[in-house]
Amino acid sequence: MISSFFGKTKPIGHIVLTIALFLLYFTNAFWAPEGLDLREDLPVEAMSFAMLLLALVLINLTVKSEKLTEANTYAMLFFVLLCAIFPENLTHKNALLTNVFILMALWRLLSIKSVKLVKQKIFDASLLVAVASLFYDWALAFILLVFRVINIYDRKNFKNWLVPLVGVATVLVLSFTFLKINGNLAFFGEHYRFSTGILQAQSLQEVVSTKALVYIVFVLLVALVLYLRWRRQGSGKLLQLRIVLMAFLLGVGITLFTPVDAPPLMITYFPAAVLMANYFEGIKKPRLQDLILLAAIVFSLAVFTWQHRGTI
């Protein structure tokens, strides 16, 4: 029953997920230790939720247009469930903004498979990655994914390899001009520090929580199963899987190199949701699908509640 409801792309499914995301976000905001001041904090929180909702919309559009999954809302559902499992990440405003720009960049990169307007898409993706780096310096590492996609689809055209540099330079020049006018050029030195969190940490716990580590291992196992399944079947989705998986690995790497008090783990939600949705689609027994979805929803809500047990 649950799987059949989210197994379609009807508007009611989108409405339910939007309401669920709204409840998760603002419940988390009110349950925060410092609480929520309606007069001072509500406008900022409303804008932050708008960014989160925009991410959900982008996921739907990307999955649908690039056919990353079948015609369903499973990827959107898993994204919402991940938000419930990691409610602490909803408070990181920079992560919300970075996630939106990375999502748009990934959409442009995945659309290159059509081999149309390749240079424009590469430029757009590079520019969006550079903008994302204005909120998290290590987000610039996603430029590696741009070069990887060029290598996959159109590596023989030498000009394609220069386009990402132009995209990044465009953002840097515009940012420099804006900061120069406002007398705040120190931003570049203060922001682009590229911390080496995991290399300086005494233990893995200093850069990633046990919960996040379990999540990362689980998604990697799902990706491995999908790879073995599609390789055996000769699926045309293998190229897309590699791009999505690399996006996940880059997101994990950025999280490991970021201080533990503000990890941008959210940028891994989209690729993780796509991988999990594809794995879930491979389960052909409706009753088993219902059982798994029910267990996933109950588990997510239990983790969300447990996370705030001291503030209830």
C-alpha atoms as a PDB file:
ATOM      1  CA  MET A   1       0.000   0.000   0.000  1.00  0.00           C
ATOM      2  CA  ILE A   2       2.732   2.462   0.976  1.00  0.00           C
ATOM      3  CA  SER A   3       4.952   1.420  -1.931  1.00  0.00           C
ATOM      4  CA  SER A   4       2.096   1.800  -4.410  1.00  0.00           C
ATOM      5  CA  PHE A   5       1.334   5.299  -3.066  1.00  0.00           C
ATOM      6  CA  PHE A   6       4.902   6.544  -3.537  1.00  0.00           C
ATOM      7  CA  GLY A   7       5.364   4.351  -6.596  1.00  0.00           C
ATOM      8  CA  LYS A   8       3.461   6.911  -8.660  1.00  0.00           C
ATOM      9  CA  THR A   9       4.140  10.536  -9.574  1.00  0.00           C
ATOM     10  CA  LYS A  10       0.722  11.909  -8.690  1.00  0.00           C
ATOM     11  CA  PRO A  11       0.586  15.419  -7.104  1.00  0.00           C
ATOM     12  CA  ILE A  12      -0.788  13.983  -3.845  1.00  0.00           C
ATOM     13  CA  GLY A  13       2.518  12.234  -3.250  1.00  0.00           C
ATOM     14  CA  HIS A  14       4.433  15.492  -3.722  1.00  0.00           C
ATOM     15  CA  ILE A  15       2.040  17.286  -1.363  1.00  0.00           C
ATOM     16  CA  VAL A  16       2.481  14.638   1.339  1.00  0.00           C
ATOM     17  CA  LEU A  17       6.272  14.826   1.094  1.00  0.00           C
ATOM     18  CA  THR A  18       6.205  18.641   1.175  1.00  0.00           C
ATOM     19  CA  ILE A  19       4.064  18.624   4.330  1.00  0.00           C
ATOM     20  CA  ALA A  20       6.326  15.998   5.903  1.00  0.00           C
ATOM     21  CA  LEU A  21       9.408  18.092   5.122  1.00  0.00           C
ATOM     22  CA  PHE A  22       7.712  21.191   6.535  1.00  0.00           C
ATOM     23  CA  LEU A  23       6.843  19.397   9.780  1.00  0.00           C
ATOM     24  CA  LEU A  24      10.330  17.936  10.093  1.00  0.00           C
ATOM     25  CA  TYR A  25      12.076  21.252   9.515  1.00  0.00           C
ATOM     26  CA  PHE A  26      10.037  23.435  11.846  1.00  0.00           C
ATOM     27  CA  THR A  27       9.681  20.779  14.529  1.00  0.00           C
ATOM     28  CA  ASN A  28      13.461  20.521  14.505  1.00  0.00           C
ATOM     29  CA  ALA A  29      13.740  24.336  14.670  1.00  0.00           C
ATOM     30  CA  PHE A  30      11.405  24.573  17.673  1.00  0.00           C
ATOM     31  CA  TRP A  31      13.115  21.660  19.402  1.00  0.00           C
ATOM     32  CA  ALA A  32      16.565  23.227  19.004  1.00  0.00           C
ATOM     33  CA  PRO A  33      18.300  23.948  22.349  1.00  0.00           C
ATOM     34  CA  GLU A  34      18.173  27.693  21.755  1.00  0.00           C
ATOM     35  CA  GLY A  35      14.551  27.515  20.604  1.00  0.00           C
ATOM     36  CA  LEU A  36      12.943  29.605  17.875  1.00  0.00           C
ATOM     37  CA  ASP A  37      12.133  33.286  18.273  1.00  0.00           C
ATOM     38  CA  LEU A  38       9.179  33.885  15.947  1.00  0.00           C
ATOM     39  CA  ARG A  39       9.934  37.585  15.549  1.00  0.00           C
ATOM     40  CA  GLU A  40      13.655  37.362  14.848  1.00  0.00           C
ATOM     41  CA  ASP A  41      14.231  33.853  13.515  1.00  0.00           C
ATOM     42  CA  LEU A  42      11.109  33.030  11.507  1.00  0.00           C
ATOM     43  CA  PRO A  43      12.073  34.973   8.315  1.00  0.00           C
ATOM     44  CA  VAL A  44      15.488  33.291   8.216  1.00  0.00           C
ATOM     45  CA  GLU A  45      13.999  29.866   8.954  1.00  0.00           C
ATOM     46  CA  ALA A  46      11.350  30.376   6.280  1.00  0.00           C
ATOM     47  CA  MET A  47      14.037  31.174   3.703  1.00  0.00           C
ATOM     48  CA  SER A  48      16.063  28.160   4.817  1.00  0.00           C
ATOM     49  CA  PHE A  49      13.032  25.908   4.461  1.00  0.00           C
ATOM     50  CA  ALA A  50      12.448  27.381   1.006  1.00  0.00           C
ATOM     51  CA  MET A  51      15.968  26.238   0.069  1.00  0.00           C
ATOM     52  CA  LEU A  52      15.217  22.755   1.407  1.00  0.00           C
ATOM     53  CA  LEU A  53      11.941  22.633  -0.510  1.00  0.00           C
ATOM     54  CA  LEU A  54      13.717  23.840  -3.649  1.00  0.00           C
ATOM     55  CA  ALA A  55      16.132  20.936  -3.229  1.00  0.00           C
ATOM     56  CA  LEU A  56      13.179  18.533  -3.128  1.00  0.00           C
ATOM     57  CA  VAL A  57      11.774  20.077  -6.310  1.00  0.00           C
ATOM     58  CA  LEU A  58      15.169  19.851  -8.031  1.00  0.00           C
ATOM     59  CA  ILE A  59      15.443  16.187  -7.086  1.00  0.00           C
ATOM     60  CA  ASN A  60      12.057  15.503  -8.645  1.00  0.00           C
ATOM     61  CA  LEU A  61      12.924  17.382 -11.840  1.00  0.00           C
ATOM     62  CA  THR A  62      16.380  15.806 -12.180  1.00  0.00           C
ATOM     63  CA  VAL A  63      15.186  12.266 -11.582  1.00  0.00           C
ATOM     64  CA  LYS A  64      12.278  12.695 -13.969  1.00  0.00           C
ATOM     65  CA  SER A  65      14.115  14.448 -16.814  1.00  0.00           C
ATOM     66  CA  GLU A  66      17.237  12.264 -16.703  1.00  0.00           C
ATOM     67  CA  LYS A  67      15.298   9.041 -15.976  1.00  0.00           C
ATOM     68  CA  LEU A  68      17.509   8.158 -13.016  1.00  0.00           C
ATOM     69  CA  THR A  69      14.662   6.064 -11.616  1.00  0.00           C
ATOM     70  CA  GLU A  70      11.334   4.792 -12.837  1.00  0.00           C
ATOM     71  CA  ALA A  71       8.250   7.031 -12.700  1.00  0.00           C
ATOM     72  CA  ASN A  72       7.874   7.266  -8.922  1.00  0.00           C
ATOM     73  CA  THR A  73       8.665   9.497  -5.939  1.00  0.00           C
ATOM     74  CA  TYR A  74      10.983   7.083  -4.109  1.00  0.00           C
ATOM     75  CA  ALA A  75      14.055   9.341  -4.473  1.00  0.00           C
ATOM     76  CA  MET A  76      12.132  12.271  -2.972  1.00  0.00           C
ATOM     77  CA  LEU A  77      10.883  10.038  -0.143  1.00  0.00           C
ATOM     78  CA  PHE A  78      14.373   8.811   0.743  1.00  0.00           C
ATOM     79  CA  PHE A  79      15.635  12.407   0.709  1.00  0.00           C
ATOM     80  CA  VAL A  80      12.968  13.371   3.266  1.00  0.00           C
ATOM     81  CA  LEU A  81      13.782  10.310   5.397  1.00  0.00           C
ATOM     82  CA  LEU A  82      17.469  11.240   5.394  1.00  0.00           C
ATOM     83  CA  CYS A  83      16.518  14.722   6.597  1.00  0.00           C
ATOM     84  CA  ALA A  84      14.683  13.025   9.488  1.00  0.00           C
ATOM     85  CA  ILE A  85      17.626  10.766  10.334  1.00  0.00           C
ATOM     86  CA  PHE A  86      20.066  13.693  10.365  1.00  0.00           C
ATOM     87  CA  PRO A  87      17.992  16.591  11.779  1.00  0.00           C
ATOM     88  CA  GLU A  88      21.133  18.298  13.087  1.00  0.00           C
ATOM     89  CA  ASN A  89      22.136  19.057   9.498  1.00  0.00           C
ATOM     90  CA  LEU A  90      18.959  21.061   8.920  1.00  0.00           C
ATOM     91  CA  THR A  91      20.389  23.844  11.077  1.00  0.00           C
ATOM     92  CA  HIS A  92      23.412  24.411   8.834  1.00  0.00           C
ATOM     93  CA  LYS A  93      22.299  27.244   6.553  1.00  0.00           C
ATOM     94  CA  ASN A  94      25.420  27.101   4.390  1.00  0.00           C
ATOM     95  CA  ALA A  95      24.841  23.388   3.800  1.00  0.00           C
ATOM     96  CA  LEU A  96      21.286  24.091   2.603  1.00  0.00           C
ATOM     97  CA  LEU A  97      22.525  26.673   0.110  1.00  0.00           C
ATOM     98  CA  THR A  98      25.466  24.559  -1.027  1.00  0.00           C
ATOM     99  CA  ASN A  99      23.153  21.605  -1.557  1.00  0.00           C
ATOM    100  CA  VAL A 100      20.874  23.584  -3.886  1.00  0.00           C
ATOM    101  CA  PHE A 101      23.726  24.767  -6.119  1.00  0.00           C
ATOM    102  CA  ILE A 102      25.349  21.320  -6.197  1.00  0.00           C
ATOM    103  CA  LEU A 103      21.992  19.804  -7.154  1.00  0.00           C
ATOM    104  CA  MET A 104      21.642  22.219 -10.068  1.00  0.00           C
ATOM    105  CA  ALA A 105      25.215  21.463 -11.131  1.00  0.00           C
ATOM    106  CA  LEU A 106      24.554  17.713 -11.029  1.00  0.00           C
ATOM    107  CA  TRP A 107      21.414  18.150 -13.108  1.00  0.00           C
ATOM    108  CA  ARG A 108      23.388  19.960 -15.798  1.00  0.00           C
ATOM    109  CA  LEU A 109      26.126  17.316 -15.739  1.00  0.00           C
ATOM    110  CA  LEU A 110      23.696  14.398 -15.971  1.00  0.00           C
ATOM    111  CA  SER A 111      21.961  16.069 -18.914  1.00  0.00           C
ATOM    112  CA  ILE A 112      25.205  15.977 -20.930  1.00  0.00           C
ATOM    113  CA  LYS A 113      24.363  12.365 -21.861  1.00  0.00           C
ATOM    114  CA  SER A 114      22.224  13.800 -24.682  1.00  0.00           C
ATOM    115  CA  VAL A 115      25.455  15.249 -26.178  1.00  0.00           C
ATOM    116  CA  LYS A 116      23.643  18.503 -26.951  1.00  0.00           C
ATOM    117  CA  LEU A 117      24.887  21.961 -25.903  1.00  0.00           C
ATOM    118  CA  VAL A 118      27.773  20.238 -24.124  1.00  0.00           C
ATOM    119  CA  LYS A 119      29.918  23.356 -23.628  1.00  0.00           C
ATOM    120  CA  GLN A 120      27.007  25.367 -22.218  1.00  0.00           C
ATOM    121  CA  LYS A 121      26.153  22.599 -19.753  1.00  0.00           C
ATOM    122  CA  ILE A 122      29.767  22.228 -18.676  1.00  0.00           C
ATOM    123  CA  PHE A 123      30.015  25.983 -18.149  1.00  0.00           C
ATOM    124  CA  ASP A 124      26.757  26.100 -16.171  1.00  0.00           C
ATOM    125  CA  ALA A 125      27.807  23.176 -13.967  1.00  0.00           C
ATOM    126  CA  SER A 126      31.255  24.678 -13.314  1.00  0.00           C
ATOM    127  CA  LEU A 127      29.777  28.065 -12.507  1.00  0.00           C
ATOM    128  CA  LEU A 128      27.263  26.506 -10.075  1.00  0.00           C
ATOM    129  CA  VAL A 129      30.023  24.506  -8.361  1.00  0.00           C
ATOM    130  CA  ALA A 130      32.047  27.696  -7.931  1.00  0.00           C
ATOM    131  CA  VAL A 131      29.016  29.470  -6.425  1.00  0.00           C
ATOM    132  CA  ALA A 132      28.512  26.523  -4.044  1.00  0.00           C
ATOM    133  CA  SER A 133      32.130  26.922  -2.908  1.00  0.00           C
ATOM    134  CA  LEU A 134      31.302  30.432  -1.666  1.00  0.00           C
ATOM    135  CA  PHE A 135      29.376  28.693   1.134  1.00  0.00           C
ATOM    136  CA  TYR A 136      31.676  25.682   1.650  1.00  0.00           C
ATOM    137  CA  ASP A 137      35.206  25.988   0.315  1.00  0.00           C
ATOM    138  CA  TRP A 138      35.651  22.264  -0.293  1.00  0.00           C
ATOM    139  CA  ALA A 139      32.543  22.220  -2.530  1.00  0.00           C
ATOM    140  CA  LEU A 140      34.991  23.319  -5.218  1.00  0.00           C
ATOM    141  CA  ALA A 141      36.116  19.665  -5.295  1.00  0.00           C
ATOM    142  CA  PHE A 142      33.000  18.929  -7.364  1.00  0.00           C
ATOM    143  CA  ILE A 143      34.879  20.430 -10.299  1.00  0.00           C
ATOM    144  CA  LEU A 144      36.552  17.000 -10.447  1.00  0.00           C
ATOM    145  CA  LEU A 145      33.149  15.545 -11.288  1.00  0.00           C
ATOM    146  CA  VAL A 146      32.842  18.022 -14.157  1.00  0.00           C
ATOM    147  CA  PHE A 147      36.116  16.779 -15.619  1.00  0.00           C
ATOM    148  CA  ARG A 148      35.015  13.177 -15.049  1.00  0.00           C
ATOM    149  CA  VAL A 149      31.819  13.751 -17.028  1.00  0.00           C
ATOM    150  CA  ILE A 150      33.793  15.398 -19.835  1.00  0.00           C
ATOM    151  CA  ASN A 151      36.029  12.334 -19.938  1.00  0.00           C
ATOM    152  CA  ILE A 152      32.985  10.049 -20.179  1.00  0.00           C
ATOM    153  CA  TYR A 153      30.962  11.845 -22.832  1.00  0.00           C
ATOM    154  CA  ASP A 154      33.098  14.197 -24.941  1.00  0.00           C
ATOM    155  CA  ARG A 155      36.778  13.979 -24.075  1.00  0.00           C
ATOM    156  CA  LYS A 156      38.063  14.379 -27.648  1.00  0.00           C
ATOM    157  CA  ASN A 157      37.054  18.048 -27.839  1.00  0.00           C
ATOM    158  CA  PHE A 158      39.959  19.931 -26.251  1.00  0.00           C
ATOM    159  CA  LYS A 159      37.882  23.076 -25.685  1.00  0.00           C
ATOM    160  CA  ASN A 160      35.603  21.192 -23.293  1.00  0.00           C
ATOM    161  CA  TRP A 161      38.516  20.781 -20.865  1.00  0.00           C
ATOM    162  CA  LEU A 162      39.000  24.556 -20.718  1.00  0.00           C
ATOM    163  CA  VAL A 163      35.352  25.453 -20.105  1.00  0.00           C
ATOM    164  CA  PRO A 164      35.331  24.497 -16.371  1.00  0.00           C
ATOM    165  CA  LEU A 165      38.225  26.871 -15.758  1.00  0.00           C
ATOM    166  CA  VAL A 166      36.270  29.661 -17.436  1.00  0.00           C
ATOM    167  CA  GLY A 167      33.200  28.898 -15.295  1.00  0.00           C
ATOM    168  CA  VAL A 168      35.163  29.008 -12.046  1.00  0.00           C
ATOM    169  CA  ALA A 169      37.077  32.120 -13.114  1.00  0.00           C
ATOM    170  CA  THR A 170      33.796  33.889 -13.912  1.00  0.00           C
ATOM    171  CA  VAL A 171      32.510  33.424 -10.361  1.00  0.00           C
ATOM    172  CA  LEU A 172      35.849  34.396  -8.821  1.00  0.00           C
ATOM    173  CA  VAL A 173      36.110  37.583 -10.892  1.00  0.00           C
ATOM    174  CA  LEU A 174      32.535  38.632 -10.115  1.00  0.00           C
ATOM    175  CA  SER A 175      33.032  37.835  -6.432  1.00  0.00           C
ATOM    176  CA  PHE A 176      36.299  39.745  -6.348  1.00  0.00           C
ATOM    177  CA  THR A 177      34.629  42.769  -7.956  1.00  0.00           C
ATOM    178  CA  PHE A 178      31.737  42.701  -5.491  1.00  0.00           C
ATOM    179  CA  LEU A 179      34.017  42.295  -2.473  1.00  0.00           C
ATOM    180  CA  LYS A 180      36.362  45.015  -3.748  1.00  0.00           C
ATOM    181  CA  ILE A 181      33.473  47.472  -3.996  1.00  0.00           C
ATOM    182  CA  ASN A 182      32.348  46.583  -0.473  1.00  0.00           C
ATOM    183  CA  GLY A 183      35.880  46.599   0.925  1.00  0.00           C
ATOM    184  CA  ASN A 184      35.763  42.978   2.051  1.00  0.00           C
ATOM    185  CA  LEU A 185      38.531  41.265   0.091  1.00  0.00           C
ATOM    186  CA  ALA A 186      39.618  39.481   3.261  1.00  0.00           C
ATOM    187  CA  PHE A 187      36.742  37.060   2.605  1.00  0.00           C
ATOM    188  CA  PHE A 188      38.821  34.978   0.206  1.00  0.00           C
ATOM    189  CA  GLY A 189      41.624  34.465   2.718  1.00  0.00           C
ATOM    190  CA  GLU A 190      39.241  33.754   5.569  1.00  0.00           C
ATOM    191  CA  HIS A 191      36.907  31.485   3.616  1.00  0.00           C
ATOM    192  CA  TYR A 192      39.073  29.412   1.271  1.00  0.00           C
ATOM    193  CA  ARG A 193      41.213  27.752   3.926  1.00  0.00           C
ATOM    194  CA  PHE A 194      40.561  24.161   2.779  1.00  0.00           C
ATOM    195  CA  SER A 195      40.858  22.578   6.217  1.00  0.00           C
ATOM    196  CA  THR A 196      42.220  19.040   6.418  1.00  0.00           C
ATOM    197  CA  GLY A 197      39.862  17.808   9.126  1.00  0.00           C
ATOM    198  CA  ILE A 198      40.352  14.038   8.881  1.00  0.00           C
ATOM    199  CA  LEU A 199      44.129  14.370   8.477  1.00  0.00           C
ATOM    200  CA  GLN A 200      44.449  16.399  11.663  1.00  0.00           C
ATOM    201  CA  ALA A 201      41.944  14.445  13.755  1.00  0.00           C
ATOM    202  CA  GLN A 202      43.061  11.976  16.400  1.00  0.00           C
ATOM    203  CA  SER A 203      40.108   9.691  15.644  1.00  0.00           C
ATOM    204  CA  LEU A 204      37.390   9.311  13.021  1.00  0.00           C
ATOM    205  CA  GLN A 205      34.785  10.328  15.619  1.00  0.00           C
ATOM    206  CA  GLU A 206      36.183  13.864  15.516  1.00  0.00           C
ATOM    207  CA  VAL A 207      35.110  14.368  11.910  1.00  0.00           C
ATOM    208  CA  VAL A 208      32.114  12.049  11.420  1.00  0.00           C
ATOM    209  CA  SER A 209      29.553  10.592  13.820  1.00  0.00           C
ATOM    210  CA  THR A 210      28.860   6.877  14.162  1.00  0.00           C
ATOM    211  CA  LYS A 211      25.406   7.429  12.671  1.00  0.00           C
ATOM    212  CA  ALA A 212      26.892   9.128   9.600  1.00  0.00           C
ATOM    213  CA  LEU A 213      29.519   6.401   9.234  1.00  0.00           C
ATOM    214  CA  VAL A 214      26.850   3.673   9.238  1.00  0.00           C
ATOM    215  CA  TYR A 215      24.921   5.658   6.629  1.00  0.00           C
ATOM    216  CA  ILE A 216      27.967   6.006   4.379  1.00  0.00           C
ATOM    217  CA  VAL A 217      28.794   2.291   4.563  1.00  0.00           C
ATOM    218  CA  PHE A 218      25.157   1.362   3.896  1.00  0.00           C
ATOM    219  CA  VAL A 219      24.956   3.528   0.759  1.00  0.00           C
ATOM    220  CA  LEU A 220      28.249   2.117  -0.540  1.00  0.00           C
ATOM    221  CA  LEU A 221      26.905  -1.419  -0.100  1.00  0.00           C
ATOM    222  CA  VAL A 222      23.733  -0.448  -1.986  1.00  0.00           C
ATOM    223  CA  ALA A 223      25.879   0.996  -4.796  1.00  0.00           C
ATOM    224  CA  LEU A 224      27.925  -2.214  -4.947  1.00  0.00           C
ATOM    225  CA  VAL A 225      24.810  -4.373  -5.226  1.00  0.00           C
ATOM    226  CA  LEU A 226      23.424  -2.122  -7.966  1.00  0.00           C
ATOM    227  CA  TYR A 227      26.696  -2.206  -9.877  1.00  0.00           C
ATOM    228  CA  LEU A 228      26.846  -6.008  -9.797  1.00  0.00           C
ATOM    229  CA  ARG A 229      23.180  -6.274 -10.806  1.00  0.00           C
ATOM    230  CA  TRP A 230      23.392  -3.804 -13.698  1.00  0.00           C
ATOM    231  CA  ARG A 231      26.734  -5.105 -14.919  1.00  0.00           C
ATOM    232  CA  ARG A 232      25.267  -8.606 -15.144  1.00  0.00           C
ATOM    233  CA  GLN A 233      22.192  -7.313 -16.959  1.00  0.00           C
ATOM    234  CA  GLY A 234      24.146  -4.938 -19.198  1.00  0.00           C
ATOM    235  CA  SER A 235      22.103  -1.927 -18.070  1.00  0.00           C
ATOM    236  CA  GLY A 236      22.632   1.422 -19.774  1.00  0.00           C
ATOM    237  CA  LYS A 237      22.381   3.058 -16.354  1.00  0.00           C
ATOM    238  CA  LEU A 238      25.941   2.109 -15.450  1.00  0.00           C
ATOM    239  CA  LEU A 239      27.373   5.429 -16.667  1.00  0.00           C
ATOM    240  CA  GLN A 240      24.806   7.381 -14.692  1.00  0.00           C
ATOM    241  CA  LEU A 241      25.493   5.199 -11.652  1.00  0.00           C
ATOM    242  CA  ARG A 242      29.177   6.065 -11.829  1.00  0.00           C
ATOM    243  CA  ILE A 243      28.437   9.795 -11.964  1.00  0.00           C
ATOM    244  CA  VAL A 244      25.947   9.584  -9.090  1.00  0.00           C
ATOM    245  CA  LEU A 245      28.321   7.440  -7.031  1.00  0.00           C
ATOM    246  CA  MET A 246      31.218   9.838  -7.604  1.00  0.00           C
ATOM    247  CA  ALA A 247      28.979  12.708  -6.482  1.00  0.00           C
ATOM    248  CA  PHE A 248      28.264  10.748  -3.301  1.00  0.00           C
ATOM    249  CA  LEU A 249      31.951  10.018  -2.700  1.00  0.00           C
ATOM    250  CA  LEU A 250      32.895  13.666  -3.240  1.00  0.00           C
ATOM    251  CA  GLY A 251      30.177  14.685  -0.766  1.00  0.00           C
ATOM    252  CA  VAL A 252      31.554  12.227   1.780  1.00  0.00           C
ATOM    253  CA  GLY A 253      35.080  13.498   1.200  1.00  0.00           C
ATOM    254  CA  ILE A 254      34.010  17.107   1.706  1.00  0.00           C
ATOM    255  CA  THR A 255      32.239  16.099   4.923  1.00  0.00           C
ATOM    256  CA  LEU A 256      35.376  14.389   6.222  1.00  0.00           C
ATOM    257  CA  PHE A 257      37.479  17.473   5.528  1.00  0.00           C
ATOM    258  CA  THR A 258      35.003  19.822   7.206  1.00  0.00           C
ATOM    259  CA  PRO A 259      34.934  20.517  10.971  1.00  0.00           C
ATOM    260  CA  VAL A 260      32.509  18.201  12.765  1.00  0.00           C
ATOM    261  CA  ASP A 261      30.376  21.099  14.070  1.00  0.00           C
ATOM    262  CA  ALA A 262      29.213  22.076  10.560  1.00  0.00           C
ATOM    263  CA  PRO A 263      29.388  19.081   8.195  1.00  0.00           C
ATOM    264  CA  PRO A 264      27.765  19.472   4.751  1.00  0.00           C
ATOM    265  CA  LEU A 265      26.543  15.856   4.767  1.00  0.00           C
ATOM    266  CA  MET A 266      23.341  17.026   3.089  1.00  0.00           C
ATOM    267  CA  ILE A 267      25.074  17.215  -0.284  1.00  0.00           C
ATOM    268  CA  THR A 268      25.235  13.397  -0.238  1.00  0.00           C
ATOM    269  CA  TYR A 269      21.466  12.977   0.189  1.00  0.00           C
ATOM    270  CA  PHE A 270      20.543  13.267  -3.481  1.00  0.00           C
ATOM    271  CA  PRO A 271      22.977  10.659  -4.834  1.00  0.00           C
ATOM    272  CA  ALA A 272      22.204   8.405  -1.864  1.00  0.00           C
ATOM    273  CA  ALA A 273      18.451   8.760  -2.468  1.00  0.00           C
ATOM    274  CA  VAL A 274      18.867   7.903  -6.164  1.00  0.00           C
ATOM    275  CA  LEU A 275      20.927   4.806  -5.367  1.00  0.00           C
ATOM    276  CA  MET A 276      18.483   3.634  -2.711  1.00  0.00           C
ATOM    277  CA  ALA A 277      15.495   4.263  -4.998  1.00  0.00           C
ATOM    278  CA  ASN A 278      17.059   2.152  -7.742  1.00  0.00           C
ATOM    279  CA  TYR A 279      17.798  -0.647  -5.305  1.00  0.00           C
ATOM    280  CA  PHE A 280      14.265  -0.478  -3.938  1.00  0.00           C
ATOM    281  CA  GLU A 281      12.810  -0.677  -7.461  1.00  0.00           C
ATOM    282  CA  GLY A 282      14.656  -3.970  -7.915  1.00  0.00           C
ATOM    283  CA  ILE A 283      12.531  -5.560  -5.190  1.00  0.00           C
ATOM    284  CA  LYS A 284       9.660  -7.171  -7.084  1.00  0.00           C
ATOM    285  CA  LYS A 285       7.487  -8.322  -4.185  1.00  0.00           C
ATOM    286  CA  PRO A 286       4.947  -5.580  -3.243  1.00  0.00           C
ATOM    287  CA  ARG A 287       4.513  -6.864   0.310  1.00  0.00           C
ATOM    288  CA  LEU A 288       8.245  -6.820   0.905  1.00  0.00           C
ATOM    289  CA  GLN A 289       8.406  -3.303  -0.510  1.00  0.00           C
ATOM    290  CA  ASP A 290       5.652  -2.186   1.868  1.00  0.00           C
ATOM    291  CA  LEU A 291       7.441  -3.783   4.812  1.00  0.00           C
ATOM    292  CA  ILE A 292      10.767  -2.145   3.953  1.00  0.00           C
ATOM    293  CA  LEU A 293       9.216   1.284   3.420  1.00  0.00           C
ATOM    294  CA  LEU A 294       7.231   1.056   6.645  1.00  0.00           C
ATOM    295  CA  ALA A 295      10.353   0.019   8.550  1.00  0.00           C
ATOM    296  CA  ALA A 296      12.337   2.881   6.960  1.00  0.00           C
ATOM    297  CA  ILE A 297       9.694   5.469   7.894  1.00  0.00           C
ATOM    298  CA  VAL A 298       9.339   4.175  11.464  1.00  0.00           C
ATOM    299  CA  PHE A 299      13.124   4.025  11.879  1.00  0.00           C
ATOM    300  CA  SER A 300      13.568   7.587  10.571  1.00  0.00           C
ATOM    301  CA  LEU A 301      10.903   8.997  12.886  1.00  0.00           C
ATOM    302  CA  ALA A 302      12.343   7.051  15.822  1.00  0.00           C
ATOM    303  CA  VAL A 303      15.818   8.476  15.177  1.00  0.00           C
ATOM    304  CA  PHE A 304      14.381  11.968  14.783  1.00  0.00           C
ATOM    305  CA  THR A 305      12.500  11.692  18.092  1.00  0.00           C
ATOM    306  CA  TRP A 306      15.446  10.118  19.893  1.00  0.00           C
ATOM    307  CA  GLN A 307      17.707  12.934  18.684  1.00  0.00           C
ATOM    308  CA  HIS A 308      15.460  15.424  20.496  1.00  0.00           C
ATOM    309  CA  ARG A 309      14.582  13.290  23.487  1.00  0.00           C
ATOM    310  CA  GLY A 310      16.196  15.767  25.867  1.00  0.00           C
ATOM    311  CA  THR A 311      14.141  18.717  24.603  1.00  0.00           C
ATOM    312  CA  ILE A 312      10.681  17.166  24.441  1.00  0.00           C
END
